[in-house]
Amino acid sequence: MAKASAIPASYPACFVSTNHVRIVTDSACDLPQTVADELAIEIVPLTIRIDGNEYIDRKDLSVEEFWAKCAASPTLPETAAPAPGQFENTYRELAADGASSVVTISLSGALSATMQSAELAARSVADLIPVTVIDSRSVTLGLGAIVASCARLAADGGTHDEVVAHARDLAGRTHVWGALDTLDNLKKGGRIGGAKALLASALAIKPIIEVRDGKVEQGGKQRTRSKALAFLVEKVAAVDGLDSLFVLQADCRDVDQFVDMLRPHVDGEIVVGDIGPVVGSHAGRGTIGVAFFTRT
């Protein structure tokens, strides 16, 4: 399986001073922990419920453990947004560390109550530290790409207003496309009937999804996995001068092949990251996709 480098070439190692803007996000960002650590990104975890048991994302449950538990469970995992207190504690800790302000970039507000929790917490610490909450209008490594770019700007000395403007700009230029490998999760979640799921499986239909205006929308469908991968490659190839690309994958055996297919269309580095439990609960094992910025 392809592995992402700890830090893409475009994210040089940096010294993080205490008196500057700090970046907070949530665990739906799917950023590798090495990247979060290098760029001093604080990640507030969501909670995953499987068969009545609760797990804190990125702490109690690894990606591998998550998929193993999903395979053994007859029901769809559930996700829960962080409580406002989790964000508040993070803000207070950053203030105590000497941060001048905080920019929180959240999972799409149309998909989760996470942003609401971040905003409530921001109001509760208004007398202690300025906090601005930005709706990424994205998810998984679409969110992660925005967060990493903003953290780099902050580490390079960007002001609070500059980081906020950058986050808002990227939120309008971030694209996420994915190909689902199975309809099992949609079936378990009641979003598709058993007969329809059976028919789709028999026909080997692979649904294509797109994150559009903060929501997950149908982006098409392909008859085979290979055609689904080719479709995603076409989306990337259509973007002029793409200097970086994030590949997201949910325990996919063909991720190396997919990266090789994409490489001729990307000028810079391709970063591969795992789809974590938050997104994986809904997308299912075998989901593969791309996240990238366009220039307009």
C-alpha atoms as a PDB file:
ATOM      1  CA  MET A   1       0.000   0.000   0.000  1.00  0.00           C
ATOM      2  CA  ALA A   2       1.299   3.479  -0.859  1.00  0.00           C
ATOM      3  CA  LYS A   3       2.420   5.583   2.059  1.00  0.00           C
ATOM      4  CA  ALA A   4       2.351   9.343   2.282  1.00  0.00           C
ATOM      5  CA  SER A   5       5.535  11.089   3.254  1.00  0.00           C
ATOM      6  CA  ALA A   6       5.334  12.712   6.672  1.00  0.00           C
ATOM      7  CA  ILE A   7       5.326  16.173   5.126  1.00  0.00           C
ATOM      8  CA  PRO A   8       4.757  16.903   1.446  1.00  0.00           C
ATOM      9  CA  ALA A   9       7.571  18.832  -0.216  1.00  0.00           C
ATOM     10  CA  SER A  10       5.327  21.905  -0.277  1.00  0.00           C
ATOM     11  CA  TYR A  11       5.040  21.825   3.529  1.00  0.00           C
ATOM     12  CA  PRO A  12       8.598  22.350   4.790  1.00  0.00           C
ATOM     13  CA  ALA A  13       9.365  21.632   8.430  1.00  0.00           C
ATOM     14  CA  CYS A  14       8.819  24.768  10.447  1.00  0.00           C
ATOM     15  CA  PHE A  15       9.381  26.127  13.909  1.00  0.00           C
ATOM     16  CA  VAL A  16       6.125  27.073  15.597  1.00  0.00           C
ATOM     17  CA  SER A  17       6.392  30.084  17.883  1.00  0.00           C
ATOM     18  CA  THR A  18       3.994  30.534  20.762  1.00  0.00           C
ATOM     19  CA  ASN A  19       2.779  34.010  19.848  1.00  0.00           C
ATOM     20  CA  HIS A  20       0.949  33.319  16.626  1.00  0.00           C
ATOM     21  CA  VAL A  21      -2.234  32.005  15.057  1.00  0.00           C
ATOM     22  CA  ARG A  22      -3.000  28.367  15.842  1.00  0.00           C
ATOM     23  CA  ILE A  23      -5.129  26.057  13.710  1.00  0.00           C
ATOM     24  CA  VAL A  24      -7.796  23.710  15.093  1.00  0.00           C
ATOM     25  CA  THR A  25      -9.825  21.165  13.159  1.00  0.00           C
ATOM     26  CA  ASP A  26     -11.737  17.936  13.786  1.00  0.00           C
ATOM     27  CA  SER A  27     -10.938  14.304  13.117  1.00  0.00           C
ATOM     28  CA  ALA A  28     -12.938  14.190   9.890  1.00  0.00           C
ATOM     29  CA  CYS A  29      -9.879  15.887   8.310  1.00  0.00           C
ATOM     30  CA  ASP A  30      -8.134  12.495   7.961  1.00  0.00           C
ATOM     31  CA  LEU A  31      -4.709  14.133   8.112  1.00  0.00           C
ATOM     32  CA  PRO A  32      -1.876  11.794   9.063  1.00  0.00           C
ATOM     33  CA  GLN A  33      -0.810  12.510  12.650  1.00  0.00           C
ATOM     34  CA  THR A  34       2.730  13.199  11.464  1.00  0.00           C
ATOM     35  CA  VAL A  35       1.451  16.099   9.363  1.00  0.00           C
ATOM     36  CA  ALA A  36      -0.675  17.438  12.218  1.00  0.00           C
ATOM     37  CA  ASP A  37       2.287  17.290  14.592  1.00  0.00           C
ATOM     38  CA  GLU A  38       4.699  18.934  12.166  1.00  0.00           C
ATOM     39  CA  LEU A  39       2.322  21.823  11.466  1.00  0.00           C
ATOM     40  CA  ALA A  40       1.083  22.145  15.077  1.00  0.00           C
ATOM     41  CA  ILE A  41      -2.512  21.400  14.107  1.00  0.00           C
ATOM     42  CA  GLU A  42      -4.869  20.562  16.964  1.00  0.00           C
ATOM     43  CA  ILE A  43      -7.424  17.869  16.080  1.00  0.00           C
ATOM     44  CA  VAL A  44     -10.614  17.581  18.147  1.00  0.00           C
ATOM     45  CA  PRO A  45     -11.987  14.036  17.811  1.00  0.00           C
ATOM     46  CA  LEU A  46     -15.469  12.898  16.943  1.00  0.00           C
ATOM     47  CA  THR A  47     -16.918   9.786  18.600  1.00  0.00           C
ATOM     48  CA  ILE A  48     -17.689   6.504  16.846  1.00  0.00           C
ATOM     49  CA  ARG A  49     -20.368   4.080  18.101  1.00  0.00           C
ATOM     50  CA  ILE A  50     -20.184   0.438  17.037  1.00  0.00           C
ATOM     51  CA  ASP A  51     -22.568  -2.162  18.485  1.00  0.00           C
ATOM     52  CA  GLY A  52     -23.326   0.056  21.464  1.00  0.00           C
ATOM     53  CA  ASN A  53     -19.686   0.762  22.275  1.00  0.00           C
ATOM     54  CA  GLU A  54     -18.226   4.266  21.982  1.00  0.00           C
ATOM     55  CA  TYR A  55     -14.725   5.001  20.727  1.00  0.00           C
ATOM     56  CA  ILE A  56     -12.865   8.290  20.529  1.00  0.00           C
ATOM     57  CA  ASP A  57     -11.610   8.736  16.983  1.00  0.00           C
ATOM     58  CA  ARG A  58      -7.802   8.610  16.574  1.00  0.00           C
ATOM     59  CA  LYS A  59      -7.402   7.635  20.239  1.00  0.00           C
ATOM     60  CA  ASP A  60      -9.398   4.504  21.050  1.00  0.00           C
ATOM     61  CA  LEU A  61      -9.667   3.136  17.555  1.00  0.00           C
ATOM     62  CA  SER A  62      -7.124   2.770  14.784  1.00  0.00           C
ATOM     63  CA  VAL A  63      -8.228   2.661  11.163  1.00  0.00           C
ATOM     64  CA  GLU A  64      -7.372  -1.041  10.973  1.00  0.00           C
ATOM     65  CA  GLU A  65      -9.358  -1.811  14.141  1.00  0.00           C
ATOM     66  CA  PHE A  66     -12.279   0.197  12.818  1.00  0.00           C
ATOM     67  CA  TRP A  67     -12.542  -1.825   9.608  1.00  0.00           C
ATOM     68  CA  ALA A  68     -12.236  -5.097  11.516  1.00  0.00           C
ATOM     69  CA  LYS A  69     -15.099  -4.116  13.819  1.00  0.00           C
ATOM     70  CA  CYS A  70     -17.214  -2.962  10.870  1.00  0.00           C
ATOM     71  CA  ALA A  71     -16.777  -6.300   9.132  1.00  0.00           C
ATOM     72  CA  ALA A  72     -18.021  -8.113  12.249  1.00  0.00           C
ATOM     73  CA  SER A  73     -20.986  -5.799  12.874  1.00  0.00           C
ATOM     74  CA  PRO A  74     -24.447  -6.201  11.308  1.00  0.00           C
ATOM     75  CA  THR A  75     -25.221  -2.521  11.852  1.00  0.00           C
ATOM     76  CA  LEU A  76     -23.765   0.691  10.495  1.00  0.00           C
ATOM     77  CA  PRO A  77     -21.376   2.604  12.795  1.00  0.00           C
ATOM     78  CA  GLU A  78     -22.670   5.928  14.081  1.00  0.00           C
ATOM     79  CA  THR A  79     -20.722   9.134  14.501  1.00  0.00           C
ATOM     80  CA  ALA A  80     -21.240  11.909  17.036  1.00  0.00           C
ATOM     81  CA  ALA A  81     -19.940  15.466  16.919  1.00  0.00           C
ATOM     82  CA  PRO A  82     -17.573  16.654  19.653  1.00  0.00           C
ATOM     83  CA  ALA A  83     -19.200  18.434  22.593  1.00  0.00           C
ATOM     84  CA  PRO A  84     -18.556  22.187  22.783  1.00  0.00           C
ATOM     85  CA  GLY A  85     -16.477  21.548  25.882  1.00  0.00           C
ATOM     86  CA  GLN A  86     -13.931  19.593  23.867  1.00  0.00           C
ATOM     87  CA  PHE A  87     -13.299  22.595  21.642  1.00  0.00           C
ATOM     88  CA  GLU A  88     -13.340  24.952  24.626  1.00  0.00           C
ATOM     89  CA  ASN A  89     -10.650  22.931  26.392  1.00  0.00           C
ATOM     90  CA  THR A  90      -8.513  23.038  23.252  1.00  0.00           C
ATOM     91  CA  TYR A  91      -8.920  26.808  22.910  1.00  0.00           C
ATOM     92  CA  ARG A  92      -8.011  27.365  26.559  1.00  0.00           C
ATOM     93  CA  GLU A  93      -4.945  25.156  26.251  1.00  0.00           C
ATOM     94  CA  LEU A  94      -3.751  27.062  23.202  1.00  0.00           C
ATOM     95  CA  ALA A  95      -4.289  30.383  24.966  1.00  0.00           C
ATOM     96  CA  ALA A  96      -2.267  29.093  27.906  1.00  0.00           C
ATOM     97  CA  ASP A  97       0.496  28.104  25.458  1.00  0.00           C
ATOM     98  CA  GLY A  98       0.694  31.688  24.239  1.00  0.00           C
ATOM     99  CA  ALA A  99      -1.321  31.569  21.030  1.00  0.00           C
ATOM    100  CA  SER A 100      -2.473  35.016  19.889  1.00  0.00           C
ATOM    101  CA  SER A 101      -5.631  33.683  18.237  1.00  0.00           C
ATOM    102  CA  VAL A 102      -7.252  30.555  16.834  1.00  0.00           C
ATOM    103  CA  VAL A 103      -8.734  29.676  13.457  1.00  0.00           C
ATOM    104  CA  THR A 104     -10.919  26.566  13.546  1.00  0.00           C
ATOM    105  CA  ILE A 105     -11.630  24.902  10.208  1.00  0.00           C
ATOM    106  CA  SER A 106     -14.440  22.385  10.511  1.00  0.00           C
ATOM    107  CA  LEU A 107     -16.083  19.523   8.732  1.00  0.00           C
ATOM    108  CA  SER A 108     -18.872  20.810   6.482  1.00  0.00           C
ATOM    109  CA  GLY A 109     -21.648  22.340   8.552  1.00  0.00           C
ATOM    110  CA  ALA A 110     -24.171  20.711   6.226  1.00  0.00           C
ATOM    111  CA  LEU A 111     -22.950  17.249   7.255  1.00  0.00           C
ATOM    112  CA  SER A 112     -22.392  17.513  10.992  1.00  0.00           C
ATOM    113  CA  ALA A 113     -23.069  19.519  14.155  1.00  0.00           C
ATOM    114  CA  THR A 114     -19.309  19.754  14.711  1.00  0.00           C
ATOM    115  CA  MET A 115     -19.125  23.340  13.487  1.00  0.00           C
ATOM    116  CA  GLN A 116     -21.887  24.373  15.894  1.00  0.00           C
ATOM    117  CA  SER A 117     -19.900  22.954  18.804  1.00  0.00           C
ATOM    118  CA  ALA A 118     -16.812  24.837  17.672  1.00  0.00           C
ATOM    119  CA  GLU A 119     -18.782  28.090  17.449  1.00  0.00           C
ATOM    120  CA  LEU A 120     -20.381  27.678  20.878  1.00  0.00           C
ATOM    121  CA  ALA A 121     -16.955  27.076  22.362  1.00  0.00           C
ATOM    122  CA  ALA A 122     -15.547  30.116  20.566  1.00  0.00           C
ATOM    123  CA  ARG A 123     -18.160  32.336  22.211  1.00  0.00           C
ATOM    124  CA  SER A 124     -17.396  30.900  25.622  1.00  0.00           C
ATOM    125  CA  VAL A 125     -13.724  31.925  25.389  1.00  0.00           C
ATOM    126  CA  ALA A 126     -14.269  35.284  23.667  1.00  0.00           C
ATOM    127  CA  ASP A 127     -12.837  37.152  26.650  1.00  0.00           C
ATOM    128  CA  LEU A 128      -9.714  34.974  26.633  1.00  0.00           C
ATOM    129  CA  ILE A 129      -8.678  34.482  23.005  1.00  0.00           C
ATOM    130  CA  PRO A 130     -10.117  35.418  19.584  1.00  0.00           C
ATOM    131  CA  VAL A 131     -11.458  32.379  17.713  1.00  0.00           C
ATOM    132  CA  THR A 132     -12.862  32.367  14.179  1.00  0.00           C
ATOM    133  CA  VAL A 133     -14.675  29.250  12.953  1.00  0.00           C
ATOM    134  CA  ILE A 134     -14.631  28.508   9.218  1.00  0.00           C
ATOM    135  CA  ASP A 135     -16.895  26.052   7.415  1.00  0.00           C
ATOM    136  CA  SER A 136     -14.617  24.094   5.088  1.00  0.00           C
ATOM    137  CA  ARG A 137     -17.647  22.936   3.076  1.00  0.00           C
ATOM    138  CA  SER A 138     -15.633  19.762   2.676  1.00  0.00           C
ATOM    139  CA  VAL A 139     -14.692  16.509   4.368  1.00  0.00           C
ATOM    140  CA  THR A 140     -11.840  13.981   4.688  1.00  0.00           C
ATOM    141  CA  LEU A 141      -8.673  15.150   2.907  1.00  0.00           C
ATOM    142  CA  GLY A 142     -10.523  18.028   1.244  1.00  0.00           C
ATOM    143  CA  LEU A 143     -10.814  19.438   4.755  1.00  0.00           C
ATOM    144  CA  GLY A 144      -7.327  18.193   5.563  1.00  0.00           C
ATOM    145  CA  ALA A 145      -5.775  19.961   2.582  1.00  0.00           C
ATOM    146  CA  ILE A 146      -7.341  23.285   3.609  1.00  0.00           C
ATOM    147  CA  VAL A 147      -6.203  22.838   7.201  1.00  0.00           C
ATOM    148  CA  ALA A 148      -2.615  21.982   6.229  1.00  0.00           C
ATOM    149  CA  SER A 149      -2.352  24.954   3.886  1.00  0.00           C
ATOM    150  CA  CYS A 150      -3.680  27.340   6.529  1.00  0.00           C
ATOM    151  CA  ALA A 151      -1.376  25.900   9.191  1.00  0.00           C
ATOM    152  CA  ARG A 152       1.594  26.476   6.905  1.00  0.00           C
ATOM    153  CA  LEU A 153       0.530  30.091   6.353  1.00  0.00           C
ATOM    154  CA  ALA A 154       0.149  30.598  10.116  1.00  0.00           C
ATOM    155  CA  ALA A 155       3.567  29.055  10.778  1.00  0.00           C
ATOM    156  CA  ASP A 156       5.074  31.385   8.183  1.00  0.00           C
ATOM    157  CA  GLY A 157       3.769  34.367  10.149  1.00  0.00           C
ATOM    158  CA  GLY A 158       0.377  34.962   8.558  1.00  0.00           C
ATOM    159  CA  THR A 159      -1.961  37.172  10.534  1.00  0.00           C
ATOM    160  CA  HIS A 160      -5.306  36.015  11.859  1.00  0.00           C
ATOM    161  CA  ASP A 161      -7.172  37.858   9.108  1.00  0.00           C
ATOM    162  CA  GLU A 162      -4.865  36.459   6.422  1.00  0.00           C
ATOM    163  CA  VAL A 163      -5.370  32.899   7.609  1.00  0.00           C
ATOM    164  CA  VAL A 164      -9.156  33.368   7.786  1.00  0.00           C
ATOM    165  CA  ALA A 165      -9.231  34.823   4.263  1.00  0.00           C
ATOM    166  CA  HIS A 166      -7.070  31.972   2.975  1.00  0.00           C
ATOM    167  CA  ALA A 167      -9.339  29.342   4.552  1.00  0.00           C
ATOM    168  CA  ARG A 168     -12.444  30.923   3.058  1.00  0.00           C
ATOM    169  CA  ASP A 169     -10.807  31.186  -0.343  1.00  0.00           C
ATOM    170  CA  LEU A 170      -9.726  27.533  -0.335  1.00  0.00           C
ATOM    171  CA  ALA A 171     -13.162  26.402   0.829  1.00  0.00           C
ATOM    172  CA  GLY A 172     -14.518  27.702  -2.458  1.00  0.00           C
ATOM    173  CA  ARG A 173     -11.803  26.014  -4.539  1.00  0.00           C
ATOM    174  CA  THR A 174     -11.605  22.582  -2.941  1.00  0.00           C
ATOM    175  CA  HIS A 175     -12.938  19.581  -4.821  1.00  0.00           C
ATOM    176  CA  VAL A 176     -13.446  16.040  -3.523  1.00  0.00           C
ATOM    177  CA  TRP A 177     -14.446  13.136  -5.734  1.00  0.00           C
ATOM    178  CA  GLY A 178     -14.787   9.550  -4.622  1.00  0.00           C
ATOM    179  CA  ALA A 179     -15.756   6.118  -5.899  1.00  0.00           C
ATOM    180  CA  LEU A 180     -17.607   3.768  -3.557  1.00  0.00           C
ATOM    181  CA  ASP A 181     -16.743   0.103  -3.791  1.00  0.00           C
ATOM    182  CA  THR A 182     -19.737  -1.252  -1.904  1.00  0.00           C
ATOM    183  CA  LEU A 183     -23.317  -0.307  -1.178  1.00  0.00           C
ATOM    184  CA  ASP A 184     -23.313  -2.227   2.108  1.00  0.00           C
ATOM    185  CA  ASN A 185     -23.042   0.889   4.253  1.00  0.00           C
ATOM    186  CA  LEU A 186     -25.828   2.634   2.381  1.00  0.00           C
ATOM    187  CA  LYS A 187     -27.926  -0.509   2.752  1.00  0.00           C
ATOM    188  CA  LYS A 188     -27.229  -0.816   6.500  1.00  0.00           C
ATOM    189  CA  GLY A 189     -27.996   2.859   6.955  1.00  0.00           C
ATOM    190  CA  GLY A 190     -31.374   2.501   5.251  1.00  0.00           C
ATOM    191  CA  ARG A 191     -30.382   4.803   2.392  1.00  0.00           C
ATOM    192  CA  ILE A 192     -30.882   2.126  -0.225  1.00  0.00           C
ATOM    193  CA  GLY A 193     -33.197  -0.885  -0.270  1.00  0.00           C
ATOM    194  CA  GLY A 194     -31.880  -4.418  -0.107  1.00  0.00           C
ATOM    195  CA  ALA A 195     -33.236  -5.356  -3.532  1.00  0.00           C
ATOM    196  CA  LYS A 196     -31.732  -2.287  -5.139  1.00  0.00           C
ATOM    197  CA  ALA A 197     -28.392  -2.922  -3.429  1.00  0.00           C
ATOM    198  CA  LEU A 198     -28.444  -6.531  -4.611  1.00  0.00           C
ATOM    199  CA  LEU A 199     -29.172  -5.468  -8.183  1.00  0.00           C
ATOM    200  CA  ALA A 200     -26.419  -2.841  -8.117  1.00  0.00           C
ATOM    201  CA  SER A 201     -23.945  -5.383  -6.754  1.00  0.00           C
ATOM    202  CA  ALA A 202     -24.900  -7.896  -9.436  1.00  0.00           C
ATOM    203  CA  LEU A 203     -24.331  -5.272 -12.107  1.00  0.00           C
ATOM    204  CA  ALA A 204     -21.047  -4.241 -10.443  1.00  0.00           C
ATOM    205  CA  ILE A 205     -22.198  -0.623 -10.319  1.00  0.00           C
ATOM    206  CA  LYS A 206     -19.757   1.705  -8.568  1.00  0.00           C
ATOM    207  CA  PRO A 207     -21.403   4.940  -7.424  1.00  0.00           C
ATOM    208  CA  ILE A 208     -19.396   8.149  -7.827  1.00  0.00           C
ATOM    209  CA  ILE A 209     -19.821  10.854  -5.206  1.00  0.00           C
ATOM    210  CA  GLU A 210     -18.813  14.505  -5.166  1.00  0.00           C
ATOM    211  CA  VAL A 211     -18.638  16.938  -2.274  1.00  0.00           C
ATOM    212  CA  ARG A 212     -20.441  19.951  -3.678  1.00  0.00           C
ATOM    213  CA  ASP A 213     -21.426  23.086  -1.741  1.00  0.00           C
ATOM    214  CA  GLY A 214     -20.703  21.267   1.493  1.00  0.00           C
ATOM    215  CA  LYS A 215     -22.921  18.287   0.727  1.00  0.00           C
ATOM    216  CA  VAL A 216     -22.250  14.811  -0.602  1.00  0.00           C
ATOM    217  CA  GLU A 217     -23.928  14.569  -3.981  1.00  0.00           C
ATOM    218  CA  GLN A 218     -24.210  11.864  -6.611  1.00  0.00           C
ATOM    219  CA  GLY A 219     -21.501  12.392  -9.189  1.00  0.00           C
ATOM    220  CA  GLY A 220     -22.386   9.551 -11.527  1.00  0.00           C
ATOM    221  CA  LYS A 221     -21.924   5.809 -11.663  1.00  0.00           C
ATOM    222  CA  GLN A 222     -19.595   3.418 -13.418  1.00  0.00           C
ATOM    223  CA  ARG A 223     -20.071  -0.249 -14.247  1.00  0.00           C
ATOM    224  CA  THR A 224     -16.715  -1.475 -12.931  1.00  0.00           C
ATOM    225  CA  ARG A 225     -14.005  -0.518 -10.454  1.00  0.00           C
ATOM    226  CA  SER A 226     -11.509   0.109 -13.242  1.00  0.00           C
ATOM    227  CA  LYS A 227     -13.906   2.473 -14.983  1.00  0.00           C
ATOM    228  CA  ALA A 228     -14.553   4.277 -11.695  1.00  0.00           C
ATOM    229  CA  LEU A 229     -10.813   4.841 -11.220  1.00  0.00           C
ATOM    230  CA  ALA A 230     -10.496   6.048 -14.809  1.00  0.00           C
ATOM    231  CA  PHE A 231     -13.368   8.481 -14.194  1.00  0.00           C
ATOM    232  CA  LEU A 232     -11.550   9.980 -11.202  1.00  0.00           C
ATOM    233  CA  VAL A 233      -8.348  10.278 -13.205  1.00  0.00           C
ATOM    234  CA  GLU A 234     -10.269  12.176 -15.896  1.00  0.00           C
ATOM    235  CA  LYS A 235     -11.473  14.669 -13.271  1.00  0.00           C
ATOM    236  CA  VAL A 236      -7.892  15.288 -12.187  1.00  0.00           C
ATOM    237  CA  ALA A 237      -6.566  15.467 -15.757  1.00  0.00           C
ATOM    238  CA  ALA A 238      -9.112  18.168 -16.568  1.00  0.00           C
ATOM    239  CA  VAL A 239      -7.512  20.548 -14.054  1.00  0.00           C
ATOM    240  CA  ASP A 240      -4.742  22.698 -15.553  1.00  0.00           C
ATOM    241  CA  GLY A 241      -1.483  23.009 -13.645  1.00  0.00           C
ATOM    242  CA  LEU A 242      -2.402  20.885 -10.647  1.00  0.00           C
ATOM    243  CA  ASP A 243       0.591  21.241  -8.325  1.00  0.00           C
ATOM    244  CA  SER A 244      -0.579  18.979  -5.511  1.00  0.00           C
ATOM    245  CA  LEU A 245      -3.083  16.216  -5.009  1.00  0.00           C
ATOM    246  CA  PHE A 246      -4.441  14.291  -2.052  1.00  0.00           C
ATOM    247  CA  VAL A 247      -5.553  10.694  -2.531  1.00  0.00           C
ATOM    248  CA  LEU A 248      -7.971   9.307   0.048  1.00  0.00           C
ATOM    249  CA  GLN A 249      -8.485   5.599   0.468  1.00  0.00           C
ATOM    250  CA  ALA A 250     -10.333   3.168   2.717  1.00  0.00           C
ATOM    251  CA  ASP A 251      -8.175   0.052   2.960  1.00  0.00           C
ATOM    252  CA  CYS A 252      -7.822  -0.195  -0.824  1.00  0.00           C
ATOM    253  CA  ARG A 253      -5.512  -2.759  -2.401  1.00  0.00           C
ATOM    254  CA  ASP A 254      -5.355  -0.837  -5.665  1.00  0.00           C
ATOM    255  CA  VAL A 255      -4.219   2.519  -4.271  1.00  0.00           C
ATOM    256  CA  ASP A 256      -0.683   2.150  -5.711  1.00  0.00           C
ATOM    257  CA  GLN A 257      -2.139   1.478  -9.154  1.00  0.00           C
ATOM    258  CA  PHE A 258      -4.421   4.493  -8.772  1.00  0.00           C
ATOM    259  CA  VAL A 259      -1.523   6.771  -7.794  1.00  0.00           C
ATOM    260  CA  ASP A 260       0.423   5.601 -10.852  1.00  0.00           C
ATOM    261  CA  MET A 261      -2.567   6.466 -13.042  1.00  0.00           C
ATOM    262  CA  LEU A 262      -2.734   9.956 -11.535  1.00  0.00           C
ATOM    263  CA  ARG A 263       0.960  10.820 -11.552  1.00  0.00           C
ATOM    264  CA  PRO A 264       1.196  12.028 -15.196  1.00  0.00           C
ATOM    265  CA  HIS A 265      -1.444  14.664 -14.444  1.00  0.00           C
ATOM    266  CA  VAL A 266       0.087  16.213 -11.314  1.00  0.00           C
ATOM    267  CA  ASP A 267       3.138  18.489 -11.358  1.00  0.00           C
ATOM    268  CA  GLY A 268       3.949  18.130  -7.660  1.00  0.00           C
ATOM    269  CA  GLU A 269       3.597  15.500  -4.968  1.00  0.00           C
ATOM    270  CA  ILE A 270       0.691  13.137  -4.474  1.00  0.00           C
ATOM    271  CA  VAL A 271      -0.100  12.628  -0.796  1.00  0.00           C
ATOM    272  CA  VAL A 272      -1.939   9.460   0.207  1.00  0.00           C
ATOM    273  CA  GLY A 273      -4.041   9.380   3.371  1.00  0.00           C
ATOM    274  CA  ASP A 274      -6.417   6.945   5.029  1.00  0.00           C
ATOM    275  CA  ILE A 275     -10.128   7.615   5.218  1.00  0.00           C
ATOM    276  CA  GLY A 276     -10.802   7.422   8.940  1.00  0.00           C
ATOM    277  CA  PRO A 277     -13.803   6.113  10.884  1.00  0.00           C
ATOM    278  CA  VAL A 278     -15.843   9.341  10.639  1.00  0.00           C
ATOM    279  CA  VAL A 279     -16.092   9.294   6.847  1.00  0.00           C
ATOM    280  CA  GLY A 280     -15.560   5.553   6.535  1.00  0.00           C
ATOM    281  CA  SER A 281     -18.713   4.886   8.552  1.00  0.00           C
ATOM    282  CA  HIS A 282     -20.763   6.336   5.720  1.00  0.00           C
ATOM    283  CA  ALA A 283     -18.651   5.659   2.636  1.00  0.00           C
ATOM    284  CA  GLY A 284     -17.610   2.084   3.388  1.00  0.00           C
ATOM    285  CA  ARG A 285     -14.500   0.008   2.879  1.00  0.00           C
ATOM    286  CA  GLY A 286     -12.889   0.265  -0.555  1.00  0.00           C
ATOM    287  CA  THR A 287     -13.822   3.903  -1.119  1.00  0.00           C
ATOM    288  CA  ILE A 288     -11.118   5.726  -3.036  1.00  0.00           C
ATOM    289  CA  GLY A 289     -10.964   9.341  -4.118  1.00  0.00           C
ATOM    290  CA  VAL A 290      -9.107  12.559  -4.747  1.00  0.00           C
ATOM    291  CA  ALA A 291      -9.035  16.022  -3.216  1.00  0.00           C
ATOM    292  CA  PHE A 292      -7.481  19.062  -4.848  1.00  0.00           C
ATOM    293  CA  PHE A 293      -7.606  22.848  -5.202  1.00  0.00           C
ATOM    294  CA  THR A 294      -8.497  24.561  -8.458  1.00  0.00           C
ATOM    295  CA  ARG A 295      -7.245  28.047  -9.177  1.00  0.00           C
ATOM    296  CA  THR A 296     -10.682  29.594  -9.417  1.00  0.00           C
END
